[in-house]
Amino acid sequence: MTKNIAKTDEFGLIYFETDIINPKNKRSVIKVKSVIDTGASKSHIQPELIKVLELDSKSNTSFTNPIDGLINSGTYELEVILNGIKIKPVNASIIHDETFPAGLIIGLDIIKRFNFSFQAKTKIFELTLPKD
């Protein structure tokens, strides 16, 4: 079992730190503030990290945001290291709110790869790889 103890920021967001890697050029950014969002169907990355990692858009996609409506976005392939576990490939869209206080939103595309639980009182995330 792999445990990750979460932190809470000044906005009340529960997050932990991940490493993000461009699988093509191996550029990486470590200790990226990453928020788990069980309401997000896919993961999202800040534009500044796209530039630093030199990620190329592999396709364009559209999705509906409940606040902003229809959003057109590029899709970027990356690898995420979450508590020592390399997750690949991850296809992330752009975070369109540049004021969002995290570099990565981890959506269900990543969460569904794990057995996942969260203890609210202790703020402990439990991530376990499913047995095959």
Protein backbone atom coordinates (compact mmCIF):
# COMPACT_ATOMS: atom_id res chain seq x y z
CA MET A 1 0.00 0.00 0.00
CA THR A 2 1.26 3.46 -0.90
CA LYS A 3 0.23 6.38 1.30
CA ASN A 4 0.57 10.04 0.56
CA ILE A 5 -0.10 12.61 3.27
CA ALA A 6 -1.86 15.62 1.84
CA LYS A 7 -1.35 19.28 2.59
CA THR A 8 -3.96 22.03 2.66
CA ASP A 9 -3.26 25.44 1.12
CA GLU A 10 -4.61 28.87 2.07
CA PHE A 11 -7.65 28.28 -0.20
CA GLY A 12 -8.55 25.01 1.51
CA LEU A 13 -7.46 22.91 -1.48
CA ILE A 14 -6.06 19.54 -0.58
CA TYR A 15 -2.96 18.80 -2.62
CA PHE A 16 0.34 16.99 -2.73
CA GLU A 17 3.47 17.33 -4.80
CA THR A 18 4.20 15.41 -8.01
CA ASP A 19 6.94 15.38 -10.61
CA ILE A 20 6.00 15.98 -14.24
CA ILE A 21 8.08 14.77 -17.20
CA ASN A 22 7.94 15.44 -20.93
CA PRO A 23 8.30 11.88 -22.31
CA LYS A 24 9.90 13.12 -25.55
CA ASN A 25 12.75 15.33 -24.29
CA LYS A 26 12.82 14.11 -20.64
CA ARG A 27 12.58 17.68 -19.28
CA SER A 28 11.04 17.59 -15.82
CA VAL A 29 9.63 19.79 -13.11
CA ILE A 30 9.71 18.45 -9.57
CA LYS A 31 7.44 19.12 -6.61
CA VAL A 32 4.53 20.51 -8.62
CA LYS A 33 1.53 21.41 -6.48
CA SER A 34 -1.13 18.95 -7.69
CA VAL A 35 -4.77 18.96 -6.67
CA ILE A 36 -6.93 15.83 -6.85
CA ASP A 37 -10.27 16.69 -8.44
CA THR A 38 -12.72 13.80 -8.48
CA GLY A 39 -15.11 16.00 -10.48
CA ALA A 40 -12.64 16.43 -13.36
CA SER A 41 -12.92 13.74 -16.00
CA LYS A 42 -9.36 14.41 -17.17
CA SER A 43 -6.20 16.04 -15.92
CA HIS A 44 -5.17 19.64 -16.65
CA ILE A 45 -1.84 21.47 -16.62
CA GLN A 46 -0.90 25.15 -16.28
CA PRO A 47 0.37 26.89 -19.45
CA GLU A 48 3.61 27.92 -17.72
CA LEU A 49 4.49 24.24 -17.16
CA ILE A 50 3.74 23.47 -20.82
CA LYS A 51 6.36 26.08 -21.76
CA VAL A 52 8.98 24.93 -19.21
CA LEU A 53 8.59 21.29 -20.24
CA GLU A 54 8.47 22.23 -23.95
CA LEU A 55 5.38 20.10 -24.50
CA ASP A 56 3.86 19.94 -27.97
CA SER A 57 0.12 19.74 -28.43
CA LYS A 58 -0.72 16.29 -29.78
CA SER A 59 -4.33 17.11 -30.60
CA ASN A 60 -7.10 19.61 -30.03
CA THR A 61 -10.12 18.81 -27.94
CA SER A 62 -13.27 20.52 -26.72
CA PHE A 63 -14.98 20.06 -23.39
CA THR A 64 -17.73 21.76 -21.46
CA ASN A 65 -16.88 23.56 -18.25
CA PRO A 66 -19.91 24.21 -16.01
CA ILE A 67 -18.84 27.83 -15.49
CA ASP A 68 -17.17 28.81 -18.76
CA GLY A 69 -19.14 26.66 -21.19
CA LEU A 70 -17.47 25.14 -24.27
CA ILE A 71 -13.67 25.33 -24.14
CA ASN A 72 -11.26 24.42 -26.93
CA SER A 73 -7.92 23.17 -25.69
CA GLY A 74 -4.77 21.41 -26.78
CA THR A 75 -3.95 18.00 -25.36
CA TYR A 76 -0.45 17.38 -24.06
CA GLU A 77 1.14 14.00 -23.32
CA LEU A 78 3.15 13.85 -20.12
CA GLU A 79 4.26 11.52 -17.38
CA VAL A 80 3.42 12.11 -13.73
CA ILE A 81 5.30 10.67 -10.79
CA LEU A 82 2.89 10.38 -7.90
CA ASN A 83 4.42 9.18 -4.64
CA GLY A 84 7.14 7.25 -6.49
CA ILE A 85 4.76 5.69 -9.02
CA LYS A 86 5.27 6.72 -12.66
CA ILE A 87 1.96 7.20 -14.43
CA LYS A 88 2.08 7.28 -18.21
CA PRO A 89 0.79 8.32 -20.57
CA VAL A 90 -1.26 11.18 -19.17
CA ASN A 91 -3.10 13.34 -21.70
CA ALA A 92 -3.71 16.70 -20.05
CA SER A 93 -5.56 19.77 -21.27
CA ILE A 94 -4.68 23.34 -20.39
CA ILE A 95 -5.86 24.92 -17.14
CA HIS A 96 -7.63 27.99 -18.54
CA ASP A 97 -7.69 29.83 -15.24
CA GLU A 98 -4.10 31.00 -14.83
CA THR A 99 -4.93 32.16 -11.29
CA PHE A 100 -5.69 28.58 -10.21
CA PRO A 101 -3.23 27.94 -7.37
CA ALA A 102 -1.81 24.62 -8.60
CA GLY A 103 0.26 23.46 -11.55
CA LEU A 104 -1.65 20.25 -12.14
CA ILE A 105 -5.23 19.10 -11.65
CA ILE A 106 -5.33 15.34 -11.33
CA GLY A 107 -8.59 14.07 -12.76
CA LEU A 108 -10.32 10.72 -13.02
CA ASP A 109 -8.09 9.69 -15.95
CA ILE A 110 -5.33 9.16 -13.37
CA ILE A 111 -7.40 8.39 -10.27
CA LYS A 112 -9.16 5.45 -11.96
CA ARG A 113 -5.82 3.65 -12.34
CA PHE A 114 -5.63 3.20 -8.56
CA ASN A 115 -7.61 2.01 -5.60
CA PHE A 116 -8.07 5.37 -3.97
CA SER A 117 -9.32 6.49 -0.58
CA PHE A 118 -9.14 9.69 1.44
CA GLN A 119 -9.44 10.02 5.20
CA ALA A 120 -10.78 13.56 5.78
CA LYS A 121 -9.88 13.82 9.46
CA THR A 122 -6.26 12.77 9.02
CA LYS A 123 -5.90 14.10 5.45
CA ILE A 124 -4.30 10.88 4.31
CA PHE A 125 -4.62 9.74 0.71
CA GLU A 126 -4.27 6.04 0.22
CA LEU A 127 -3.31 5.00 -3.27
CA THR A 128 -2.82 1.36 -4.02
CA LEU A 129 -2.14 -0.29 -7.33
CA PRO A 130 -4.85 -2.77 -8.24
CA LYS A 131 -3.86 -6.43 -8.23
CA ASP A 132 -3.94 -7.90 -11.71
